[in-house]
Amino acid sequence: MNKLASSAAFAAAAIAALALCPALAQDGTTGGAAAGAATGAVGGAIVGGPVGAVVGGVAGAVVGGTVGSITEADRTYVRTYVVKNRHPSVRFEGQVAVGATLPQQVELYQLEGNPGLTNYRYAWVNDRAVLIDPQSRRVVYIVE
């Protein structure tokens, strides 16, 4: 079996196994993790073969799990809050995307008034508001 076929078979198996996760989930975080893991596994398999699928799956699960824990009500709150509490935008040379790590010079601001969001901060980067995990400084949600 050639490398591409082997990678595709591994990615398909990973996706099939991860597809069961939402059915077993008791909350929204596992569904997001499963979706992130599946997406990461496919991308990793294409780039790095079976090992890439494993690495991509783990990274996708971390990002997907974080995003999956933010409810639609939280997203609505964030959109309203950041528009009312706008700060100067910082120029960022990298791509502003979920999973991107922001440098230390990007100032993070606290979201107030929503107990479900106390573990997050926000920033304005390249004229876009983003929700940040302050421990890792990773973007977990882009406010649209």
N, C-alpha and C. Protein backbone atom coordinates (compact mmCIF):
# COMPACT_ATOMS: atom_id res chain seq x y z
N MET A 1 0.86 -1.17 0.00
CA MET A 1 0.00 0.00 0.00
C MET A 1 0.91 1.24 0.00
N ASN A 2 0.61 2.21 -0.89
CA ASN A 2 1.47 3.40 -0.94
C ASN A 2 1.16 4.34 0.22
N LYS A 3 2.01 5.36 0.38
CA LYS A 3 1.91 6.26 1.54
C LYS A 3 0.58 7.01 1.56
N LEU A 4 0.12 7.50 0.41
CA LEU A 4 -1.13 8.25 0.38
C LEU A 4 -2.31 7.37 0.76
N ALA A 5 -2.37 6.16 0.25
CA ALA A 5 -3.46 5.25 0.59
C ALA A 5 -3.42 4.88 2.07
N SER A 6 -2.22 4.67 2.59
CA SER A 6 -2.07 4.35 4.00
C SER A 6 -2.53 5.51 4.87
N SER A 7 -2.15 6.73 4.49
CA SER A 7 -2.57 7.91 5.25
C SER A 7 -4.07 8.09 5.20
N ALA A 8 -4.65 7.90 4.03
CA ALA A 8 -6.09 8.06 3.88
C ALA A 8 -6.83 7.02 4.72
N ALA A 9 -6.34 5.79 4.73
CA ALA A 9 -6.98 4.73 5.52
C ALA A 9 -6.90 5.05 7.01
N PHE A 10 -5.75 5.53 7.46
CA PHE A 10 -5.61 5.89 8.87
C PHE A 10 -6.53 7.03 9.24
N ALA A 11 -6.59 8.06 8.39
CA ALA A 11 -7.45 9.21 8.66
C ALA A 11 -8.92 8.77 8.70
N ALA A 12 -9.32 7.90 7.79
CA ALA A 12 -10.70 7.41 7.78
C ALA A 12 -11.02 6.66 9.07
N ALA A 13 -10.07 5.85 9.53
CA ALA A 13 -10.29 5.12 10.78
C ALA A 13 -10.39 6.08 11.97
N ALA A 14 -9.55 7.10 11.97
CA ALA A 14 -9.58 8.09 13.06
C ALA A 14 -10.91 8.83 13.07
N ILE A 15 -11.38 9.21 11.90
CA ILE A 15 -12.65 9.92 11.81
C ILE A 15 -13.80 9.03 12.26
N ALA A 16 -13.79 7.79 11.83
CA ALA A 16 -14.85 6.86 12.23
C ALA A 16 -14.88 6.69 13.74
N ALA A 17 -13.72 6.54 14.35
CA ALA A 17 -13.66 6.37 15.81
C ALA A 17 -14.12 7.64 16.52
N LEU A 18 -13.70 8.79 16.02
CA LEU A 18 -14.06 10.04 16.67
C LEU A 18 -15.52 10.41 16.46
N ALA A 19 -16.13 9.89 15.42
CA ALA A 19 -17.54 10.19 15.15
C ALA A 19 -18.43 9.69 16.28
N LEU A 20 -17.97 8.70 17.03
CA LEU A 20 -18.75 8.17 18.13
C LEU A 20 -18.73 9.08 19.36
N CYS A 21 -17.73 9.95 19.46
CA CYS A 21 -17.57 10.79 20.66
C CYS A 21 -18.79 11.64 20.98
N PRO A 22 -19.39 12.36 20.01
CA PRO A 22 -20.54 13.19 20.38
C PRO A 22 -21.70 12.37 20.95
N ALA A 23 -21.87 11.16 20.46
CA ALA A 23 -22.97 10.33 20.96
C ALA A 23 -22.73 9.95 22.42
N LEU A 24 -21.49 9.86 22.82
CA LEU A 24 -21.16 9.48 24.18
C LEU A 24 -21.03 10.68 25.11
N ALA A 25 -21.04 11.88 24.55
CA ALA A 25 -20.77 13.09 25.33
C ALA A 25 -21.93 13.43 26.25
N GLN A 26 -21.59 13.95 27.42
CA GLN A 26 -22.59 14.42 28.35
C GLN A 26 -22.69 15.94 28.32
N ASP A 27 -21.73 16.60 27.67
CA ASP A 27 -21.77 18.05 27.55
C ASP A 27 -21.24 18.45 26.18
N GLY A 28 -21.22 19.76 25.90
CA GLY A 28 -20.81 20.25 24.59
C GLY A 28 -19.34 20.20 24.32
N THR A 29 -18.49 20.01 25.32
CA THR A 29 -17.06 20.09 25.08
C THR A 29 -16.53 18.91 24.29
N THR A 30 -17.05 17.72 24.50
CA THR A 30 -16.53 16.56 23.79
C THR A 30 -16.87 16.61 22.33
N GLY A 31 -18.05 17.11 21.99
CA GLY A 31 -18.42 17.23 20.58
C GLY A 31 -17.46 18.14 19.83
N GLY A 32 -17.11 19.27 20.45
CA GLY A 32 -16.16 20.18 19.83
C GLY A 32 -14.79 19.54 19.72
N ALA A 33 -14.41 18.79 20.73
CA ALA A 33 -13.12 18.10 20.71
C ALA A 33 -13.10 17.05 19.61
N ALA A 34 -14.19 16.32 19.46
CA ALA A 34 -14.26 15.29 18.43
C ALA A 34 -14.18 15.90 17.04
N ALA A 35 -14.91 16.97 16.83
CA ALA A 35 -14.86 17.63 15.52
C ALA A 35 -13.47 18.17 15.24
N GLY A 36 -12.86 18.79 16.25
CA GLY A 36 -11.50 19.31 16.07
C GLY A 36 -10.50 18.20 15.83
N ALA A 37 -10.65 17.09 16.53
CA ALA A 37 -9.73 15.96 16.35
C ALA A 37 -9.86 15.37 14.97
N ALA A 38 -11.09 15.23 14.50
CA ALA A 38 -11.30 14.67 13.16
C ALA A 38 -10.70 15.56 12.10
N THR A 39 -10.95 16.86 12.21
CA THR A 39 -10.40 17.80 11.24
C THR A 39 -8.87 17.80 11.28
N GLY A 40 -8.32 17.82 12.49
CA GLY A 40 -6.86 17.81 12.64
C GLY A 40 -6.25 16.53 12.12
N ALA A 41 -6.92 15.40 12.33
CA ALA A 41 -6.40 14.11 11.87
C ALA A 41 -6.33 14.07 10.36
N VAL A 42 -7.36 14.56 9.69
CA VAL A 42 -7.36 14.56 8.22
C VAL A 42 -6.25 15.46 7.69
N GLY A 43 -6.16 16.69 8.23
CA GLY A 43 -5.11 17.60 7.78
C GLY A 43 -3.72 17.05 8.06
N GLY A 44 -3.55 16.47 9.24
CA GLY A 44 -2.25 15.89 9.58
C GLY A 44 -1.90 14.72 8.70
N ALA A 45 -2.87 13.89 8.36
CA ALA A 45 -2.62 12.73 7.51
C ALA A 45 -2.18 13.16 6.12
N ILE A 46 -2.80 14.21 5.62
CA ILE A 46 -2.44 14.69 4.28
C ILE A 46 -1.01 15.21 4.27
N VAL A 47 -0.65 15.96 5.30
CA VAL A 47 0.68 16.57 5.35
C VAL A 47 1.76 15.60 5.83
N GLY A 48 1.46 14.84 6.88
CA GLY A 48 2.52 14.05 7.50
C GLY A 48 2.29 12.56 7.60
N GLY A 49 1.31 12.04 6.89
CA GLY A 49 1.06 10.61 6.95
C GLY A 49 0.45 10.20 8.27
N PRO A 50 0.57 8.92 8.64
CA PRO A 50 -0.06 8.43 9.86
C PRO A 50 0.38 9.18 11.12
N VAL A 51 1.66 9.50 11.22
CA VAL A 51 2.13 10.24 12.40
C VAL A 51 1.52 11.64 12.41
N GLY A 52 1.44 12.26 11.25
CA GLY A 52 0.81 13.58 11.14
C GLY A 52 -0.65 13.54 11.54
N ALA A 53 -1.33 12.43 11.22
CA ALA A 53 -2.74 12.30 11.59
C ALA A 53 -2.90 12.27 13.10
N VAL A 54 -2.01 11.59 13.78
CA VAL A 54 -2.09 11.52 15.24
C VAL A 54 -1.83 12.89 15.85
N VAL A 55 -0.76 13.56 15.41
CA VAL A 55 -0.42 14.88 15.94
C VAL A 55 -1.53 15.87 15.63
N GLY A 56 -2.01 15.87 14.39
CA GLY A 56 -3.08 16.79 14.00
C GLY A 56 -4.36 16.52 14.77
N GLY A 57 -4.66 15.26 15.03
CA GLY A 57 -5.86 14.91 15.77
C GLY A 57 -5.82 15.42 17.20
N VAL A 58 -4.67 15.29 17.84
CA VAL A 58 -4.53 15.76 19.23
C VAL A 58 -4.65 17.28 19.27
N ALA A 59 -3.96 17.97 18.38
CA ALA A 59 -4.02 19.43 18.36
C ALA A 59 -5.44 19.90 18.07
N GLY A 60 -6.10 19.25 17.12
CA GLY A 60 -7.47 19.62 16.79
C GLY A 60 -8.42 19.40 17.95
N ALA A 61 -8.21 18.34 18.72
CA ALA A 61 -9.07 18.05 19.86
C ALA A 61 -8.95 19.14 20.93
N VAL A 62 -7.74 19.63 21.14
CA VAL A 62 -7.53 20.68 22.14
C VAL A 62 -8.26 21.95 21.73
N VAL A 63 -8.06 22.38 20.49
CA VAL A 63 -8.71 23.59 20.02
C VAL A 63 -10.22 23.39 19.93
N GLY A 64 -10.66 22.27 19.38
CA GLY A 64 -12.09 22.00 19.25
C GLY A 64 -12.78 21.90 20.59
N GLY A 65 -12.12 21.31 21.57
CA GLY A 65 -12.70 21.19 22.90
C GLY A 65 -12.88 22.54 23.55
N THR A 66 -11.92 23.43 23.35
CA THR A 66 -12.02 24.76 23.93
C THR A 66 -13.16 25.54 23.28
N VAL A 67 -13.21 25.55 21.96
CA VAL A 67 -14.26 26.28 21.25
C VAL A 67 -15.62 25.67 21.57
N GLY A 68 -15.69 24.35 21.67
CA GLY A 68 -16.95 23.68 21.93
C GLY A 68 -17.54 24.01 23.28
N SER A 69 -16.73 24.50 24.22
CA SER A 69 -17.24 24.80 25.55
C SER A 69 -17.85 26.18 25.65
N ILE A 70 -17.78 26.97 24.58
CA ILE A 70 -18.38 28.30 24.56
C ILE A 70 -19.76 28.17 23.92
N THR A 71 -20.79 28.50 24.69
CA THR A 71 -22.16 28.34 24.21
C THR A 71 -22.54 29.45 23.23
N GLU A 72 -23.63 29.25 22.54
CA GLU A 72 -24.13 30.28 21.63
C GLU A 72 -24.50 31.55 22.40
N ALA A 73 -25.06 31.39 23.59
CA ALA A 73 -25.38 32.55 24.43
C ALA A 73 -24.11 33.31 24.81
N ASP A 74 -23.03 32.57 25.09
CA ASP A 74 -21.74 33.21 25.40
C ASP A 74 -21.23 33.99 24.19
N ARG A 75 -21.35 33.40 23.01
CA ARG A 75 -20.89 34.08 21.79
C ARG A 75 -21.66 35.38 21.57
N THR A 76 -22.97 35.33 21.80
CA THR A 76 -23.80 36.54 21.66
C THR A 76 -23.35 37.59 22.67
N TYR A 77 -23.10 37.18 23.90
CA TYR A 77 -22.64 38.10 24.93
C TYR A 77 -21.30 38.73 24.53
N VAL A 78 -20.38 37.90 24.06
CA VAL A 78 -19.05 38.38 23.66
C VAL A 78 -19.19 39.42 22.54
N ARG A 79 -19.99 39.12 21.52
CA ARG A 79 -20.16 40.06 20.41
C ARG A 79 -20.64 41.42 20.91
N THR A 80 -21.66 41.40 21.76
CA THR A 80 -22.21 42.65 22.28
C THR A 80 -21.19 43.38 23.16
N TYR A 81 -20.52 42.62 24.03
CA TYR A 81 -19.56 43.22 24.99
C TYR A 81 -18.38 43.87 24.28
N VAL A 82 -17.77 43.17 23.32
CA VAL A 82 -16.56 43.71 22.69
C VAL A 82 -16.86 44.92 21.82
N VAL A 83 -18.06 44.98 21.24
CA VAL A 83 -18.42 46.16 20.45
C VAL A 83 -18.59 47.37 21.37
N LYS A 84 -19.21 47.17 22.53
CA LYS A 84 -19.40 48.26 23.49
C LYS A 84 -18.10 48.66 24.18
N ASN A 85 -17.15 47.73 24.28
CA ASN A 85 -15.89 47.96 25.00
C ASN A 85 -14.71 47.83 24.06
N ARG A 86 -14.77 48.55 22.96
CA ARG A 86 -13.72 48.45 21.95
C ARG A 86 -12.42 49.08 22.46
N HIS A 87 -11.32 48.45 22.10
CA HIS A 87 -9.98 48.94 22.42
C HIS A 87 -9.22 49.11 21.11
N PRO A 88 -8.11 49.84 21.13
CA PRO A 88 -7.33 49.98 19.90
C PRO A 88 -6.89 48.60 19.37
N SER A 89 -6.94 48.47 18.06
CA SER A 89 -6.53 47.22 17.43
C SER A 89 -5.02 47.16 17.32
N VAL A 90 -4.48 45.95 17.51
CA VAL A 90 -3.04 45.71 17.40
C VAL A 90 -2.78 45.02 16.06
N ARG A 91 -1.71 45.41 15.40
CA ARG A 91 -1.33 44.78 14.13
C ARG A 91 -0.60 43.48 14.43
N PHE A 92 -1.07 42.37 13.82
CA PHE A 92 -0.48 41.04 14.00
C PHE A 92 -0.09 40.53 12.64
N GLU A 93 1.18 40.15 12.48
CA GLU A 93 1.69 39.71 11.18
C GLU A 93 1.19 38.32 10.78
N GLY A 94 0.89 37.47 11.75
CA GLY A 94 0.40 36.13 11.44
C GLY A 94 -1.07 36.16 11.06
N GLN A 95 -1.58 35.00 10.69
CA GLN A 95 -2.99 34.89 10.36
C GLN A 95 -3.82 34.85 11.63
N VAL A 96 -4.85 35.67 11.70
CA VAL A 96 -5.75 35.66 12.85
C VAL A 96 -6.75 34.54 12.61
N ALA A 97 -6.54 33.42 13.30
CA ALA A 97 -7.38 32.23 13.12
C ALA A 97 -7.48 31.52 14.46
N VAL A 98 -8.53 30.72 14.61
CA VAL A 98 -8.67 29.91 15.82
C VAL A 98 -7.45 29.01 15.93
N GLY A 99 -6.84 29.02 17.10
CA GLY A 99 -5.63 28.23 17.34
C GLY A 99 -4.34 29.03 17.23
N ALA A 100 -4.41 30.22 16.63
CA ALA A 100 -3.21 31.07 16.51
C ALA A 100 -2.81 31.55 17.90
N THR A 101 -1.51 31.64 18.15
CA THR A 101 -1.00 32.14 19.43
C THR A 101 -0.60 33.60 19.26
N LEU A 102 -1.13 34.44 20.12
CA LEU A 102 -0.82 35.87 20.06
C LEU A 102 0.42 36.17 20.90
N PRO A 103 1.27 37.07 20.42
CA PRO A 103 2.48 37.43 21.17
C PRO A 103 2.14 38.22 22.43
N GLN A 104 3.10 38.29 23.34
CA GLN A 104 2.91 38.95 24.63
C GLN A 104 2.54 40.43 24.49
N GLN A 105 2.97 41.09 23.42
CA GLN A 105 2.69 42.52 23.28
C GLN A 105 1.23 42.83 22.95
N VAL A 106 0.43 41.80 22.62
CA VAL A 106 -0.99 42.01 22.39
C VAL A 106 -1.68 42.05 23.75
N GLU A 107 -2.27 43.19 24.08
CA GLU A 107 -2.92 43.34 25.37
C GLU A 107 -4.26 42.61 25.38
N LEU A 108 -4.49 41.86 26.46
CA LEU A 108 -5.73 41.11 26.63
C LEU A 108 -6.60 41.84 27.64
N TYR A 109 -7.91 41.86 27.38
CA TYR A 109 -8.85 42.56 28.24
C TYR A 109 -9.84 41.56 28.84
N GLN A 110 -10.25 41.84 30.07
CA GLN A 110 -11.18 40.96 30.78
C GLN A 110 -12.61 41.21 30.32
N LEU A 111 -13.36 40.13 30.20
CA LEU A 111 -14.80 40.20 29.94
C LEU A 111 -15.50 40.24 31.30
N GLU A 112 -16.36 41.20 31.50
CA GLU A 112 -17.04 41.33 32.78
C GLU A 112 -18.53 41.06 32.61
N GLY A 113 -19.16 40.57 33.68
CA GLY A 113 -20.60 40.41 33.68
C GLY A 113 -21.12 39.07 33.22
N ASN A 114 -20.24 38.11 32.91
CA ASN A 114 -20.69 36.78 32.49
C ASN A 114 -19.81 35.74 33.17
N PRO A 115 -20.31 35.08 34.20
CA PRO A 115 -19.50 34.10 34.94
C PRO A 115 -18.98 32.94 34.08
N GLY A 116 -19.65 32.62 32.99
CA GLY A 116 -19.21 31.54 32.12
C GLY A 116 -17.98 31.88 31.29
N LEU A 117 -17.59 33.15 31.30
CA LEU A 117 -16.46 33.59 30.47
C LEU A 117 -15.27 34.08 31.28
N THR A 118 -15.24 33.80 32.58
CA THR A 118 -14.16 34.31 33.43
C THR A 118 -12.79 33.74 33.05
N ASN A 119 -12.74 32.61 32.38
CA ASN A 119 -11.46 32.01 31.99
C ASN A 119 -10.96 32.51 30.65
N TYR A 120 -11.61 33.49 30.06
CA TYR A 120 -11.23 34.01 28.76
C TYR A 120 -10.93 35.50 28.85
N ARG A 121 -10.21 35.99 27.86
CA ARG A 121 -9.96 37.41 27.68
C ARG A 121 -10.26 37.72 26.21
N TYR A 122 -10.28 39.00 25.88
CA TYR A 122 -10.46 39.36 24.48
C TYR A 122 -9.42 40.39 24.08
N ALA A 123 -9.24 40.51 22.78
CA ALA A 123 -8.31 41.47 22.23
C ALA A 123 -8.85 41.93 20.88
N TRP A 124 -8.36 43.06 20.43
CA TRP A 124 -8.65 43.53 19.08
C TRP A 124 -7.37 43.39 18.28
N VAL A 125 -7.41 42.54 17.26
CA VAL A 125 -6.23 42.24 16.45
C VAL A 125 -6.60 42.39 14.98
N ASN A 126 -5.83 43.18 14.24
CA ASN A 126 -6.09 43.42 12.82
C ASN A 126 -7.55 43.81 12.59
N ASP A 127 -8.06 44.69 13.46
CA ASP A 127 -9.43 45.21 13.41
C ASP A 127 -10.50 44.14 13.58
N ARG A 128 -10.14 43.04 14.25
CA ARG A 128 -11.10 41.99 14.56
C ARG A 128 -11.03 41.68 16.05
N ALA A 129 -12.18 41.45 16.65
CA ALA A 129 -12.22 41.06 18.05
C ALA A 129 -12.06 39.54 18.13
N VAL A 130 -11.22 39.10 19.06
CA VAL A 130 -10.99 37.66 19.24
C VAL A 130 -11.06 37.32 20.72
N LEU A 131 -11.57 36.12 21.00
CA LEU A 131 -11.62 35.59 22.36
C LEU A 131 -10.38 34.74 22.55
N ILE A 132 -9.71 34.92 23.70
CA ILE A 132 -8.40 34.33 23.95
C ILE A 132 -8.41 33.47 25.21
N ASP A 133 -7.69 32.36 25.17
CA ASP A 133 -7.37 31.61 26.38
C ASP A 133 -6.10 32.27 26.93
N PRO A 134 -6.18 32.97 28.07
CA PRO A 134 -5.02 33.74 28.53
C PRO A 134 -3.82 32.89 28.95
N GLN A 135 -4.02 31.62 29.34
CA GLN A 135 -2.88 30.78 29.73
C GLN A 135 -2.02 30.45 28.51
N SER A 136 -2.63 30.10 27.42
CA SER A 136 -1.88 29.72 26.22
C SER A 136 -1.74 30.87 25.23
N ARG A 137 -2.57 31.91 25.39
CA ARG A 137 -2.65 33.06 24.49
C ARG A 137 -3.15 32.65 23.11
N ARG A 138 -3.86 31.54 23.05
CA ARG A 138 -4.41 31.05 21.78
C ARG A 138 -5.81 31.65 21.54
N VAL A 139 -6.06 31.95 20.28
CA VAL A 139 -7.38 32.41 19.85
C VAL A 139 -8.34 31.22 19.91
N VAL A 140 -9.46 31.37 20.62
CA VAL A 140 -10.43 30.30 20.70
C VAL A 140 -11.72 30.64 19.96
N TYR A 141 -11.91 31.90 19.62
CA TYR A 141 -13.13 32.31 18.91
C TYR A 141 -12.87 33.65 18.26
N ILE A 142 -13.29 33.77 17.01
CA ILE A 142 -13.20 35.06 16.30
C ILE A 142 -14.59 35.65 16.26
N VAL A 143 -14.74 36.85 16.78
CA VAL A 143 -16.04 37.49 16.85
C VAL A 143 -16.40 38.01 15.46
N GLU A 144 -17.53 37.56 14.97
CA GLU A 144 -17.99 37.98 13.63
C GLU A 144 -19.10 38.96 13.75
